[in-house]
Amino acid sequence: MNQSELNEARSNPEFLEYLEKTRVDAIESKNIEALYEVLDTMLILDLNEEKINSIYQHILTISFDEVQTIIDAGKKLSLENHELYLVRSFYEHAIEKWSNDQFDAAKELLFVLCNIIEDETLQKSINVHLISIATETTLDVFYKEKVDTSNVSTQEKYAYFIDEFTFNIDDYLKENTVLLEKEYASLKHLLD
């Protein structure tokens, strides 16, 4: 969308009414996909920050409740359909914690996520995150030093995650095995 299209969408009463109705319906029905659609649209259009924060809180509440149910059932999450949105919200919450230098909270969220997903590519990527967080590397430094921003994942399901790095991920994980094992040992109680 160009700037004039954005301005038109921001001031289109029918579109804004549709967005509000979708928001209300999604909250009532606990529809995380619809909430993300509204959230992403509101972020692009730079609309009401208070509503954006409220939508995000609803997403987290729904996600954490559903993830807990899945964990209690002994299941794992895939990156398909509805579960992709659950993984996305959990991941984004961890990144938010990391961006605020809440290293322990970010590490705990990412550790749990890594252990409840069935996707080797994302698991490896999250382990790279965990190594940086364990050394209290800020998110900004992580982006500058480790993330390959010129490369975009070819698979849509990875679009919400940092999974392209400036190094070979398998070699990096092998080089940091001891640190990663130490972190796993100290965090394994979170899975009990």
N, C-alpha and C. Protein backbone atom coordinates (compact mmCIF):
# COMPACT_ATOMS: atom_id res chain seq x y z
N MET A 1 0.84 -1.19 0.00
CA MET A 1 0.00 0.00 0.00
C MET A 1 0.87 1.25 0.00
N ASN A 2 0.50 2.19 -0.84
CA ASN A 2 1.22 3.46 -0.82
C ASN A 2 0.56 4.39 0.21
N GLN A 3 1.15 5.55 0.40
CA GLN A 3 0.68 6.46 1.44
C GLN A 3 -0.77 6.91 1.23
N SER A 4 -1.15 7.18 -0.01
CA SER A 4 -2.53 7.64 -0.24
C SER A 4 -3.54 6.53 0.05
N GLU A 5 -3.17 5.28 -0.28
CA GLU A 5 -4.06 4.14 0.04
C GLU A 5 -4.18 3.96 1.55
N LEU A 6 -3.08 4.14 2.26
CA LEU A 6 -3.11 4.06 3.72
C LEU A 6 -4.03 5.14 4.30
N ASN A 7 -3.87 6.36 3.81
CA ASN A 7 -4.70 7.45 4.29
C ASN A 7 -6.18 7.21 4.00
N GLU A 8 -6.45 6.67 2.81
CA GLU A 8 -7.83 6.37 2.44
C GLU A 8 -8.43 5.30 3.37
N ALA A 9 -7.66 4.26 3.65
CA ALA A 9 -8.14 3.20 4.54
C ALA A 9 -8.38 3.74 5.95
N ARG A 10 -7.46 4.61 6.42
CA ARG A 10 -7.59 5.19 7.77
C ARG A 10 -8.86 6.02 7.92
N SER A 11 -9.32 6.61 6.82
CA SER A 11 -10.47 7.52 6.90
C SER A 11 -11.75 6.95 6.29
N ASN A 12 -11.72 5.71 5.89
CA ASN A 12 -12.89 5.07 5.29
C ASN A 12 -13.80 4.53 6.41
N PRO A 13 -14.94 5.17 6.65
CA PRO A 13 -15.79 4.77 7.77
C PRO A 13 -16.31 3.32 7.65
N GLU A 14 -16.60 2.89 6.44
CA GLU A 14 -17.10 1.52 6.26
C GLU A 14 -16.01 0.50 6.61
N PHE A 15 -14.79 0.78 6.17
CA PHE A 15 -13.68 -0.13 6.48
C PHE A 15 -13.40 -0.14 7.97
N LEU A 16 -13.38 1.03 8.60
CA LEU A 16 -13.12 1.11 10.04
C LEU A 16 -14.23 0.43 10.84
N GLU A 17 -15.46 0.52 10.36
CA GLU A 17 -16.59 -0.16 11.01
C GLU A 17 -16.43 -1.68 10.89
N TYR A 18 -16.03 -2.14 9.70
CA TYR A 18 -15.77 -3.57 9.48
C TYR A 18 -14.66 -4.05 10.41
N LEU A 19 -13.60 -3.26 10.52
CA LEU A 19 -12.46 -3.63 11.37
C LEU A 19 -12.89 -3.73 12.83
N GLU A 20 -13.69 -2.78 13.29
CA GLU A 20 -14.17 -2.79 14.67
C GLU A 20 -15.09 -3.98 14.93
N LYS A 21 -15.97 -4.27 13.99
CA LYS A 21 -16.88 -5.41 14.15
C LYS A 21 -16.08 -6.72 14.18
N THR A 22 -15.09 -6.82 13.32
CA THR A 22 -14.23 -8.01 13.31
C THR A 22 -13.50 -8.16 14.63
N ARG A 23 -13.03 -7.03 15.16
CA ARG A 23 -12.31 -7.04 16.45
C ARG A 23 -13.22 -7.56 17.56
N VAL A 24 -14.40 -7.00 17.67
CA VAL A 24 -15.35 -7.38 18.72
C VAL A 24 -15.75 -8.84 18.58
N ASP A 25 -16.09 -9.26 17.36
CA ASP A 25 -16.48 -10.65 17.12
C ASP A 25 -15.34 -11.61 17.44
N ALA A 26 -14.11 -11.24 17.07
CA ALA A 26 -12.95 -12.10 17.32
C ALA A 26 -12.67 -12.25 18.81
N ILE A 27 -12.85 -11.17 19.56
CA ILE A 27 -12.65 -11.24 21.01
C ILE A 27 -13.70 -12.15 21.63
N GLU A 28 -14.95 -11.96 21.22
CA GLU A 28 -16.05 -12.78 21.77
C GLU A 28 -15.88 -14.26 21.44
N SER A 29 -15.45 -14.55 20.23
CA SER A 29 -15.32 -15.95 19.81
C SER A 29 -13.92 -16.53 20.08
N LYS A 30 -13.03 -15.70 20.62
CA LYS A 30 -11.65 -16.10 20.90
C LYS A 30 -10.96 -16.63 19.64
N ASN A 31 -11.16 -15.91 18.54
CA ASN A 31 -10.60 -16.29 17.25
C ASN A 31 -9.26 -15.59 17.06
N ILE A 32 -8.19 -16.31 17.32
CA ILE A 32 -6.85 -15.73 17.29
C ILE A 32 -6.44 -15.30 15.88
N GLU A 33 -6.87 -16.05 14.86
CA GLU A 33 -6.54 -15.67 13.48
C GLU A 33 -7.18 -14.32 13.13
N ALA A 34 -8.43 -14.15 13.47
CA ALA A 34 -9.11 -12.88 13.18
C ALA A 34 -8.50 -11.74 13.99
N LEU A 35 -8.12 -12.02 15.23
CA LEU A 35 -7.48 -10.98 16.05
C LEU A 35 -6.16 -10.55 15.43
N TYR A 36 -5.40 -11.51 14.92
CA TYR A 36 -4.14 -11.15 14.26
C TYR A 36 -4.40 -10.36 12.98
N GLU A 37 -5.44 -10.69 12.25
CA GLU A 37 -5.78 -9.94 11.04
C GLU A 37 -6.07 -8.48 11.40
N VAL A 38 -6.85 -8.29 12.46
CA VAL A 38 -7.18 -6.93 12.91
C VAL A 38 -5.92 -6.23 13.44
N LEU A 39 -5.14 -6.94 14.24
CA LEU A 39 -3.92 -6.35 14.80
C LEU A 39 -2.97 -5.91 13.69
N ASP A 40 -2.70 -6.80 12.76
CA ASP A 40 -1.77 -6.47 11.67
C ASP A 40 -2.28 -5.28 10.86
N THR A 41 -3.57 -5.23 10.60
CA THR A 41 -4.16 -4.11 9.85
C THR A 41 -4.02 -2.81 10.63
N MET A 42 -4.33 -2.87 11.92
CA MET A 42 -4.24 -1.65 12.73
C MET A 42 -2.80 -1.16 12.85
N LEU A 43 -1.85 -2.08 12.91
CA LEU A 43 -0.44 -1.68 12.97
C LEU A 43 -0.01 -1.02 11.66
N ILE A 44 -0.40 -1.62 10.54
CA ILE A 44 -0.05 -1.05 9.23
C ILE A 44 -0.64 0.35 9.07
N LEU A 45 -1.90 0.50 9.51
CA LEU A 45 -2.58 1.79 9.37
C LEU A 45 -2.24 2.76 10.49
N ASP A 46 -1.47 2.29 11.47
CA ASP A 46 -1.06 3.13 12.60
C ASP A 46 -2.29 3.73 13.29
N LEU A 47 -3.20 2.83 13.67
CA LEU A 47 -4.44 3.24 14.33
C LEU A 47 -4.28 3.24 15.85
N ASN A 48 -5.35 3.39 16.55
CA ASN A 48 -5.44 3.53 18.00
C ASN A 48 -4.52 2.57 18.78
N GLU A 49 -3.49 3.14 19.40
CA GLU A 49 -2.50 2.33 20.11
C GLU A 49 -3.12 1.58 21.29
N GLU A 50 -4.07 2.20 21.96
CA GLU A 50 -4.72 1.55 23.10
C GLU A 50 -5.46 0.27 22.64
N LYS A 51 -6.16 0.36 21.52
CA LYS A 51 -6.87 -0.81 20.99
C LYS A 51 -5.88 -1.87 20.52
N ILE A 52 -4.78 -1.44 19.93
CA ILE A 52 -3.75 -2.37 19.47
C ILE A 52 -3.23 -3.16 20.67
N ASN A 53 -2.91 -2.45 21.75
CA ASN A 53 -2.41 -3.13 22.95
C ASN A 53 -3.46 -4.08 23.53
N SER A 54 -4.70 -3.67 23.51
CA SER A 54 -5.79 -4.51 24.01
C SER A 54 -5.93 -5.79 23.18
N ILE A 55 -5.86 -5.65 21.87
CA ILE A 55 -5.94 -6.81 20.98
C ILE A 55 -4.78 -7.76 21.27
N TYR A 56 -3.60 -7.20 21.41
CA TYR A 56 -2.42 -8.03 21.69
C TYR A 56 -2.60 -8.79 23.01
N GLN A 57 -3.15 -8.13 24.02
CA GLN A 57 -3.39 -8.81 25.30
C GLN A 57 -4.40 -9.95 25.14
N HIS A 58 -5.44 -9.73 24.35
CA HIS A 58 -6.41 -10.80 24.09
C HIS A 58 -5.74 -11.97 23.38
N ILE A 59 -4.90 -11.67 22.40
CA ILE A 59 -4.18 -12.72 21.68
C ILE A 59 -3.33 -13.53 22.66
N LEU A 60 -2.60 -12.86 23.54
CA LEU A 60 -1.75 -13.57 24.50
C LEU A 60 -2.57 -14.44 25.44
N THR A 61 -3.67 -13.91 25.93
CA THR A 61 -4.53 -14.68 26.84
C THR A 61 -5.05 -15.94 26.16
N ILE A 62 -5.58 -15.79 24.95
CA ILE A 62 -6.09 -16.94 24.21
C ILE A 62 -4.98 -17.93 23.94
N SER A 63 -3.86 -17.42 23.48
CA SER A 63 -2.74 -18.28 23.13
C SER A 63 -2.22 -19.06 24.33
N PHE A 64 -1.99 -18.37 25.43
CA PHE A 64 -1.43 -19.05 26.60
C PHE A 64 -2.40 -20.11 27.13
N ASP A 65 -3.69 -19.82 27.11
CA ASP A 65 -4.69 -20.81 27.54
C ASP A 65 -4.66 -22.04 26.64
N GLU A 66 -4.64 -21.81 25.33
CA GLU A 66 -4.65 -22.93 24.39
C GLU A 66 -3.35 -23.72 24.44
N VAL A 67 -2.22 -23.03 24.57
CA VAL A 67 -0.93 -23.71 24.65
C VAL A 67 -0.88 -24.56 25.92
N GLN A 68 -1.40 -24.05 27.02
CA GLN A 68 -1.41 -24.83 28.26
C GLN A 68 -2.23 -26.10 28.09
N THR A 69 -3.36 -26.00 27.43
CA THR A 69 -4.20 -27.17 27.17
C THR A 69 -3.45 -28.19 26.32
N ILE A 70 -2.74 -27.72 25.31
CA ILE A 70 -1.98 -28.61 24.44
C ILE A 70 -0.85 -29.29 25.22
N ILE A 71 -0.15 -28.52 26.06
CA ILE A 71 0.93 -29.09 26.87
C ILE A 71 0.37 -30.14 27.83
N ASP A 72 -0.72 -29.80 28.49
CA ASP A 72 -1.34 -30.73 29.44
C ASP A 72 -1.76 -32.03 28.76
N ALA A 73 -2.10 -31.96 27.49
CA ALA A 73 -2.50 -33.16 26.75
C ALA A 73 -1.29 -33.92 26.21
N GLY A 74 -0.09 -33.39 26.45
CA GLY A 74 1.13 -34.06 26.01
C GLY A 74 1.37 -33.95 24.51
N LYS A 75 0.77 -32.95 23.89
CA LYS A 75 0.91 -32.78 22.45
C LYS A 75 1.95 -31.70 22.14
N LYS A 76 2.28 -31.59 20.86
CA LYS A 76 3.19 -30.54 20.40
C LYS A 76 2.50 -29.71 19.34
N LEU A 77 3.01 -28.52 19.14
CA LEU A 77 2.44 -27.58 18.17
C LEU A 77 3.15 -27.70 16.82
N SER A 78 2.38 -27.57 15.77
CA SER A 78 2.95 -27.52 14.42
C SER A 78 2.92 -26.07 13.96
N LEU A 79 3.46 -25.83 12.80
CA LEU A 79 3.40 -24.49 12.21
C LEU A 79 2.35 -24.47 11.11
N GLU A 80 1.27 -25.14 11.37
CA GLU A 80 0.18 -25.24 10.40
C GLU A 80 -1.08 -24.62 10.97
N ASN A 81 -1.84 -23.97 10.12
CA ASN A 81 -3.17 -23.45 10.42
C ASN A 81 -3.22 -22.67 11.73
N HIS A 82 -4.16 -23.00 12.58
CA HIS A 82 -4.41 -22.30 13.84
C HIS A 82 -3.17 -22.30 14.75
N GLU A 83 -2.47 -23.42 14.79
CA GLU A 83 -1.32 -23.54 15.70
C GLU A 83 -0.19 -22.59 15.35
N LEU A 84 -0.08 -22.21 14.08
CA LEU A 84 0.94 -21.23 13.69
C LEU A 84 0.74 -19.92 14.46
N TYR A 85 -0.51 -19.51 14.64
CA TYR A 85 -0.80 -18.27 15.37
C TYR A 85 -0.47 -18.39 16.86
N LEU A 86 -0.64 -19.58 17.41
CA LEU A 86 -0.27 -19.81 18.80
C LEU A 86 1.24 -19.69 18.97
N VAL A 87 1.97 -20.33 18.07
CA VAL A 87 3.43 -20.27 18.11
C VAL A 87 3.89 -18.83 17.89
N ARG A 88 3.28 -18.15 16.93
CA ARG A 88 3.64 -16.76 16.64
C ARG A 88 3.47 -15.89 17.87
N SER A 89 2.35 -16.01 18.55
CA SER A 89 2.10 -15.14 19.71
C SER A 89 3.07 -15.43 20.84
N PHE A 90 3.35 -16.70 21.07
CA PHE A 90 4.31 -17.09 22.11
C PHE A 90 5.69 -16.52 21.78
N TYR A 91 6.09 -16.67 20.53
CA TYR A 91 7.39 -16.18 20.06
C TYR A 91 7.47 -14.65 20.18
N GLU A 92 6.44 -13.97 19.69
CA GLU A 92 6.45 -12.50 19.74
C GLU A 92 6.51 -11.99 21.17
N HIS A 93 5.85 -12.69 22.08
CA HIS A 93 5.89 -12.28 23.48
C HIS A 93 7.32 -12.44 24.03
N ALA A 94 7.98 -13.52 23.66
CA ALA A 94 9.36 -13.72 24.10
C ALA A 94 10.28 -12.64 23.53
N ILE A 95 10.08 -12.30 22.27
CA ILE A 95 10.90 -11.26 21.64
C ILE A 95 10.65 -9.90 22.31
N GLU A 96 9.40 -9.66 22.67
CA GLU A 96 9.08 -8.42 23.38
C GLU A 96 9.83 -8.36 24.72
N LYS A 97 9.82 -9.47 25.44
CA LYS A 97 10.56 -9.52 26.72
C LYS A 97 12.04 -9.26 26.47
N TRP A 98 12.58 -9.90 25.45
CA TRP A 98 14.00 -9.73 25.12
C TRP A 98 14.30 -8.28 24.76
N SER A 99 13.42 -7.65 24.00
CA SER A 99 13.66 -6.26 23.59
C SER A 99 13.67 -5.32 24.79
N ASN A 100 13.04 -5.74 25.88
CA ASN A 100 13.03 -4.95 27.12
C ASN A 100 14.11 -5.42 28.10
N ASP A 101 15.05 -6.21 27.59
CA ASP A 101 16.17 -6.75 28.37
C ASP A 101 15.70 -7.60 29.56
N GLN A 102 14.55 -8.23 29.42
CA GLN A 102 14.06 -9.18 30.42
C GLN A 102 14.54 -10.56 29.99
N PHE A 103 15.85 -10.78 30.17
CA PHE A 103 16.51 -11.96 29.63
C PHE A 103 15.94 -13.27 30.18
N ASP A 104 15.72 -13.32 31.49
CA ASP A 104 15.21 -14.57 32.07
C ASP A 104 13.82 -14.92 31.55
N ALA A 105 12.94 -13.94 31.47
CA ALA A 105 11.58 -14.19 30.97
C ALA A 105 11.62 -14.62 29.51
N ALA A 106 12.43 -13.95 28.71
CA ALA A 106 12.55 -14.31 27.29
C ALA A 106 13.11 -15.71 27.13
N LYS A 107 14.12 -16.01 27.92
CA LYS A 107 14.75 -17.34 27.86
C LYS A 107 13.75 -18.43 28.23
N GLU A 108 12.98 -18.21 29.27
CA GLU A 108 12.00 -19.21 29.71
C GLU A 108 10.93 -19.44 28.63
N LEU A 109 10.42 -18.36 28.06
CA LEU A 109 9.39 -18.48 27.02
C LEU A 109 9.93 -19.21 25.80
N LEU A 110 11.13 -18.85 25.36
CA LEU A 110 11.70 -19.49 24.18
C LEU A 110 12.06 -20.95 24.45
N PHE A 111 12.53 -21.24 25.63
CA PHE A 111 12.84 -22.63 25.99
C PHE A 111 11.58 -23.49 25.93
N VAL A 112 10.51 -23.01 26.55
CA VAL A 112 9.25 -23.76 26.53
C VAL A 112 8.77 -23.92 25.08
N LEU A 113 8.80 -22.84 24.33
CA LEU A 113 8.35 -22.90 22.94
C LEU A 113 9.16 -23.92 22.15
N CYS A 114 10.45 -23.90 22.31
CA CYS A 114 11.32 -24.82 21.58
C CYS A 114 10.96 -26.27 21.88
N ASN A 115 10.49 -26.53 23.07
CA ASN A 115 10.18 -27.90 23.49
C ASN A 115 8.75 -28.32 23.22
N ILE A 116 7.92 -27.40 22.74
CA ILE A 116 6.53 -27.78 22.48
C ILE A 116 6.15 -27.66 21.00
N ILE A 117 7.16 -27.42 20.15
CA ILE A 117 6.89 -27.34 18.72
C ILE A 117 7.49 -28.54 18.01
N GLU A 118 6.87 -28.90 16.91
CA GLU A 118 7.38 -29.96 16.05
C GLU A 118 7.85 -29.34 14.75
N ASP A 119 9.01 -28.71 14.80
CA ASP A 119 9.58 -28.11 13.61
C ASP A 119 11.07 -27.92 13.86
N GLU A 120 11.87 -28.74 13.22
CA GLU A 120 13.31 -28.72 13.46
C GLU A 120 13.96 -27.40 13.09
N THR A 121 13.53 -26.79 11.99
CA THR A 121 14.10 -25.51 11.56
C THR A 121 13.88 -24.44 12.62
N LEU A 122 12.65 -24.34 13.12
CA LEU A 122 12.36 -23.33 14.13
C LEU A 122 13.02 -23.67 15.46
N GLN A 123 13.10 -24.94 15.79
CA GLN A 123 13.79 -25.33 17.03
C GLN A 123 15.26 -24.89 17.00
N LYS A 124 15.92 -25.14 15.88
CA LYS A 124 17.32 -24.73 15.76
C LYS A 124 17.44 -23.20 15.88
N SER A 125 16.56 -22.50 15.22
CA SER A 125 16.57 -21.04 15.26
C SER A 125 16.37 -20.53 16.69
N ILE A 126 15.42 -21.11 17.38
CA ILE A 126 15.17 -20.70 18.77
C ILE A 126 16.38 -21.00 19.65
N ASN A 127 17.06 -22.10 19.38
CA ASN A 127 18.26 -22.41 20.16
C ASN A 127 19.35 -21.35 19.94
N VAL A 128 19.44 -20.81 18.74
CA VAL A 128 20.38 -19.70 18.49
C VAL A 128 19.98 -18.50 19.35
N HIS A 129 18.68 -18.23 19.41
CA HIS A 129 18.18 -17.15 20.27
C HIS A 129 18.59 -17.40 21.72
N LEU A 130 18.37 -18.63 22.19
CA LEU A 130 18.65 -18.97 23.59
C LEU A 130 20.12 -18.76 23.94
N ILE A 131 21.00 -19.10 23.03
CA ILE A 131 22.44 -18.92 23.27
C ILE A 131 22.75 -17.44 23.47
N SER A 132 22.19 -16.59 22.62
CA SER A 132 22.44 -15.14 22.76
C SER A 132 21.83 -14.58 24.03
N ILE A 133 20.64 -15.03 24.36
CA ILE A 133 19.99 -14.55 25.58
C ILE A 133 20.76 -15.01 26.81
N ALA A 134 21.29 -16.22 26.77
CA ALA A 134 22.06 -16.76 27.91
C ALA A 134 23.28 -15.90 28.22
N THR A 135 23.82 -15.27 27.19
CA THR A 135 24.98 -14.39 27.40
C THR A 135 24.56 -12.93 27.55
N GLU A 136 23.23 -12.73 27.72
CA GLU A 136 22.64 -11.39 27.88
C GLU A 136 23.01 -10.44 26.75
N THR A 137 23.02 -10.99 25.55
CA THR A 137 23.19 -10.17 24.35
C THR A 137 21.86 -9.47 24.10
N THR A 138 21.89 -8.18 23.92
CA THR A 138 20.63 -7.46 23.68
C THR A 138 20.07 -7.86 22.31
N LEU A 139 18.80 -7.64 22.15
CA LEU A 139 18.15 -7.96 20.88
C LEU A 139 18.76 -7.13 19.74
N ASP A 140 19.07 -5.88 19.99
CA ASP A 140 19.68 -5.03 18.96
C ASP A 140 21.03 -5.59 18.50
N VAL A 141 21.85 -6.00 19.44
CA VAL A 141 23.16 -6.58 19.10
C VAL A 141 22.97 -7.90 18.36
N PHE A 142 22.02 -8.70 18.81
CA PHE A 142 21.71 -9.97 18.13
C PHE A 142 21.37 -9.71 16.66
N TYR A 143 20.51 -8.74 16.40
CA TYR A 143 20.14 -8.39 15.03
C TYR A 143 21.37 -7.96 14.23
N LYS A 144 22.17 -7.08 14.81
CA LYS A 144 23.33 -6.54 14.09
C LYS A 144 24.38 -7.61 13.79
N GLU A 145 24.63 -8.49 14.76
CA GLU A 145 25.74 -9.42 14.63
C GLU A 145 25.38 -10.80 14.09
N LYS A 146 24.14 -11.23 14.29
CA LYS A 146 23.83 -12.61 13.96
C LYS A 146 22.75 -12.80 12.89
N VAL A 147 21.88 -11.83 12.71
CA VAL A 147 20.75 -12.01 11.82
C VAL A 147 21.11 -11.55 10.41
N ASP A 148 20.83 -12.41 9.43
CA ASP A 148 21.05 -12.07 8.03
C ASP A 148 19.77 -11.40 7.51
N THR A 149 19.76 -10.09 7.57
CA THR A 149 18.56 -9.33 7.17
C THR A 149 18.39 -9.26 5.65
N SER A 150 19.41 -9.64 4.92
CA SER A 150 19.30 -9.62 3.46
C SER A 150 18.62 -10.88 2.92
N ASN A 151 18.50 -11.87 3.76
CA ASN A 151 17.89 -13.13 3.37
C ASN A 151 16.49 -13.24 3.97
N VAL A 152 15.53 -13.61 3.17
CA VAL A 152 14.16 -13.79 3.64
C VAL A 152 13.81 -15.25 3.46
N SER A 153 13.18 -15.81 4.46
CA SER A 153 12.78 -17.21 4.40
C SER A 153 11.87 -17.45 3.20
N THR A 154 12.11 -18.55 2.53
CA THR A 154 11.31 -18.87 1.35
C THR A 154 9.97 -19.51 1.71
N GLN A 155 9.84 -19.98 2.93
CA GLN A 155 8.60 -20.61 3.36
C GLN A 155 7.79 -19.63 4.20
N GLU A 156 6.54 -19.45 3.82
CA GLU A 156 5.68 -18.46 4.48
C GLU A 156 5.54 -18.73 5.97
N LYS A 157 5.52 -19.99 6.38
CA LYS A 157 5.31 -20.30 7.80
C LYS A 157 6.43 -19.76 8.69
N TYR A 158 7.58 -19.44 8.12
CA TYR A 158 8.68 -18.88 8.92
C TYR A 158 8.73 -17.35 8.88
N ALA A 159 7.79 -16.73 8.20
CA ALA A 159 7.81 -15.28 8.02
C ALA A 159 7.76 -14.50 9.33
N TYR A 160 7.22 -15.10 10.37
CA TYR A 160 7.07 -14.39 11.65
C TYR A 160 8.25 -14.60 12.60
N PHE A 161 9.22 -15.36 12.15
CA PHE A 161 10.32 -15.76 13.03
C PHE A 161 11.67 -15.37 12.44
N ILE A 162 12.63 -15.16 13.32
CA ILE A 162 14.00 -14.90 12.88
C ILE A 162 14.64 -16.27 12.65
N ASP A 163 14.94 -16.57 11.39
CA ASP A 163 15.50 -17.89 11.10
C ASP A 163 16.63 -17.85 10.07
N GLU A 164 17.08 -16.67 9.71
CA GLU A 164 18.20 -16.51 8.78
C GLU A 164 19.35 -15.83 9.51
N PHE A 165 20.49 -16.48 9.49
CA PHE A 165 21.63 -16.00 10.27
C PHE A 165 22.86 -15.79 9.39
N THR A 166 23.84 -15.11 9.94
CA THR A 166 25.06 -14.79 9.20
C THR A 166 26.08 -15.91 9.28
N PHE A 167 25.68 -17.06 9.74
CA PHE A 167 26.58 -18.21 9.93
C PHE A 167 25.80 -19.49 9.67
N ASN A 168 26.53 -20.58 9.59
CA ASN A 168 25.89 -21.88 9.44
C ASN A 168 25.31 -22.28 10.79
N ILE A 169 24.01 -22.48 10.83
CA ILE A 169 23.33 -22.71 12.11
C ILE A 169 23.77 -24.01 12.78
N ASP A 170 23.99 -25.07 12.01
CA ASP A 170 24.41 -26.34 12.60
C ASP A 170 25.79 -26.23 13.25
N ASP A 171 26.71 -25.55 12.56
CA ASP A 171 28.05 -25.35 13.13
C ASP A 171 27.97 -24.51 14.40
N TYR A 172 27.17 -23.46 14.36
CA TYR A 172 27.03 -22.56 15.52
C TYR A 172 26.47 -23.32 16.72
N LEU A 173 25.45 -24.12 16.50
CA LEU A 173 24.87 -24.89 17.60
C LEU A 173 25.86 -25.90 18.15
N LYS A 174 26.64 -26.50 17.27
CA LYS A 174 27.66 -27.46 17.71
C LYS A 174 28.72 -26.77 18.57
N GLU A 175 29.14 -25.59 18.13
CA GLU A 175 30.16 -24.82 18.87
C GLU A 175 29.64 -24.40 20.25
N ASN A 176 28.34 -24.25 20.40
CA ASN A 176 27.75 -23.76 21.64
C ASN A 176 26.97 -24.85 22.39
N THR A 177 27.30 -26.10 22.14
CA THR A 177 26.58 -27.22 22.75
C THR A 177 26.63 -27.17 24.27
N VAL A 178 27.79 -26.90 24.83
CA VAL A 178 27.94 -26.90 26.30
C VAL A 178 27.05 -25.83 26.93
N LEU A 179 27.08 -24.64 26.39
CA LEU A 179 26.25 -23.55 26.92
C LEU A 179 24.77 -23.90 26.79
N LEU A 180 24.38 -24.43 25.66
CA LEU A 180 22.98 -24.78 25.43
C LEU A 180 22.53 -25.89 26.38
N GLU A 181 23.37 -26.89 26.58
CA GLU A 181 23.04 -27.98 27.51
C GLU A 181 22.89 -27.45 28.93
N LYS A 182 23.74 -26.51 29.31
CA LYS A 182 23.65 -25.90 30.65
C LYS A 182 22.32 -25.15 30.80
N GLU A 183 21.94 -24.41 29.77
CA GLU A 183 20.67 -23.67 29.81
C GLU A 183 19.49 -24.63 29.88
N TYR A 184 19.53 -25.68 29.10
CA TYR A 184 18.45 -26.67 29.12
C TYR A 184 18.32 -27.31 30.49
N ALA A 185 19.45 -27.62 31.11
CA ALA A 185 19.43 -28.24 32.44
C ALA A 185 18.81 -27.30 33.47
N SER A 186 19.12 -26.02 33.37
CA SER A 186 18.60 -25.06 34.35
C SER A 186 17.13 -24.70 34.11
N LEU A 187 16.64 -24.97 32.91
CA LEU A 187 15.26 -24.59 32.57
C LEU A 187 14.30 -25.79 32.49
N LYS A 188 14.81 -27.00 32.56
CA LYS A 188 13.96 -28.18 32.34
C LYS A 188 12.80 -28.26 33.34
N HIS A 189 12.93 -27.65 34.51
CA HIS A 189 11.85 -27.67 35.50
C HIS A 189 10.58 -27.01 34.95
N LEU A 190 10.71 -26.15 33.94
CA LEU A 190 9.55 -25.46 33.37
C LEU A 190 8.64 -26.41 32.60
N LEU A 191 9.14 -27.57 32.26
CA LEU A 191 8.36 -28.54 31.51
C LEU A 191 7.68 -29.58 32.40
N ASP A 192 7.97 -29.53 33.68
CA ASP A 192 7.37 -30.50 34.63
C ASP A 192 5.95 -30.14 34.98
